[in-house]
C-alpha atoms as a PDB file:
ATOM      1  CA  MET A   1      55.290 147.523  95.162  1.00  0.00           C
ATOM      2  CA  PRO A   2      56.279 143.870  95.797  1.00  0.00           C
ATOM      3  CA  LYS A   3      59.892 142.926  96.082  1.00  0.00           C
ATOM      4  CA  PHE A   4      61.583 141.210  93.138  1.00  0.00           C
ATOM      5  CA  ASP A   5      62.063 137.985  95.144  1.00  0.00           C
ATOM      6  CA  GLU A   6      58.311 137.810  95.758  1.00  0.00           C
ATOM      7  CA  HIS A   7      57.349 137.802  92.069  1.00  0.00           C
ATOM      8  CA  PRO A   8      55.709 134.489  91.040  1.00  0.00           C
ATOM      9  CA  THR A   9      58.122 133.990  88.144  1.00  0.00           C
ATOM     10  CA  VAL A  10      61.135 134.496  90.392  1.00  0.00           C
ATOM     11  CA  LYS A  11      59.710 132.102  92.983  1.00  0.00           C
ATOM     12  CA  SER A  12      59.106 129.497  90.268  1.00  0.00           C
ATOM     13  CA  PHE A  13      62.669 129.880  88.987  1.00  0.00           C
ATOM     14  CA  TYR A  14      64.183 129.344  92.426  1.00  0.00           C
ATOM     15  CA  LYS A  15      62.010 126.260  92.995  1.00  0.00           C
ATOM     16  CA  LYS A  16      63.338 124.772  89.764  1.00  0.00           C
ATOM     17  CA  VAL A  17      66.932 125.691  90.595  1.00  0.00           C
ATOM     18  CA  ALA A  18      66.636 123.968  93.960  1.00  0.00           C
ATOM     19  CA  LYS A  19      65.729 120.714  92.175  1.00  0.00           C
ATOM     20  CA  VAL A  20      68.799 120.738  89.908  1.00  0.00           C
ATOM     21  CA  ASP A  21      71.867 118.994  91.235  1.00  0.00           C
ATOM     22  CA  VAL A  22      75.059 121.015  91.040  1.00  0.00           C
ATOM     23  CA  LEU A  23      77.428 119.436  88.575  1.00  0.00           C
ATOM     24  CA  PRO A  24      80.836 118.429  89.884  1.00  0.00           C
ATOM     25  CA  GLN A  25      83.692 120.470  88.450  1.00  0.00           C
ATOM     26  CA  THR A  26      85.145 117.385  86.771  1.00  0.00           C
ATOM     27  CA  THR A  27      82.011 116.694  84.732  1.00  0.00           C
ATOM     28  CA  THR A  28      82.400 116.923  80.977  1.00  0.00           C
ATOM     29  CA  LEU A  29      79.399 118.652  79.495  1.00  0.00           C
ATOM     30  CA  ASP A  30      77.902 117.245  76.353  1.00  0.00           C
ATOM     31  CA  ALA A  31      74.928 118.269  74.242  1.00  0.00           C
ATOM     32  CA  THR A  32      72.575 115.751  75.870  1.00  0.00           C
ATOM     33  CA  LEU A  33      73.454 116.867  79.397  1.00  0.00           C
ATOM     34  CA  LEU A  34      73.167 120.558  78.475  1.00  0.00           C
ATOM     35  CA  ARG A  35      69.883 119.996  76.646  1.00  0.00           C
ATOM     36  CA  ASP A  36      68.394 118.138  79.619  1.00  0.00           C
ATOM     37  CA  LEU A  37      69.557 120.893  81.974  1.00  0.00           C
ATOM     38  CA  CYS A  38      68.035 123.616  79.787  1.00  0.00           C
ATOM     39  CA  LEU A  39      64.740 121.742  79.487  1.00  0.00           C
ATOM     40  CA  GLU A  40      64.657 121.138  83.232  1.00  0.00           C
ATOM     41  CA  MET A  41      65.188 124.856  83.808  1.00  0.00           C
ATOM     42  CA  GLY A  42      62.163 125.703  81.676  1.00  0.00           C
ATOM     43  CA  ALA A  43      63.414 126.141  78.120  1.00  0.00           C
ATOM     44  CA  ASP A  44      60.718 124.842  75.774  1.00  0.00           C
ATOM     45  CA  ASP A  45      63.123 124.107  72.949  1.00  0.00           C
ATOM     46  CA  VAL A  46      66.893 124.032  72.842  1.00  0.00           C
ATOM     47  CA  GLY A  47      69.486 122.918  70.344  1.00  0.00           C
ATOM     48  CA  PHE A  48      73.231 122.990  69.926  1.00  0.00           C
ATOM     49  CA  ILE A  49      75.568 123.168  66.982  1.00  0.00           C
ATOM     50  CA  ASP A  50      79.239 122.369  66.668  1.00  0.00           C
ATOM     51  CA  ILE A  51      81.319 125.524  67.094  1.00  0.00           C
ATOM     52  CA  ASP A  52      83.578 124.410  64.241  1.00  0.00           C
ATOM     53  CA  ARG A  53      80.780 124.461  61.632  1.00  0.00           C
ATOM     54  CA  PRO A  54      81.866 126.458  58.597  1.00  0.00           C
ATOM     55  CA  GLU A  55      78.366 127.957  58.286  1.00  0.00           C
ATOM     56  CA  ILE A  56      78.852 130.040  61.425  1.00  0.00           C
ATOM     57  CA  THR A  57      82.239 131.534  60.618  1.00  0.00           C
ATOM     58  CA  ASN A  58      82.519 135.220  59.735  1.00  0.00           C
END
């Protein structure tokens, strides 16, 4: 049985991760930056909503 690290999906993930720059700790994340990061990491579709929206409370 092949090792986990040898699986094609895992290899593809690590290739993509290697291309992403590590964000400095002082960076403020916004929806555009997070969306671009998610898309670059392979998410086909991503969206964000404001955490204060009344529609998502209890």
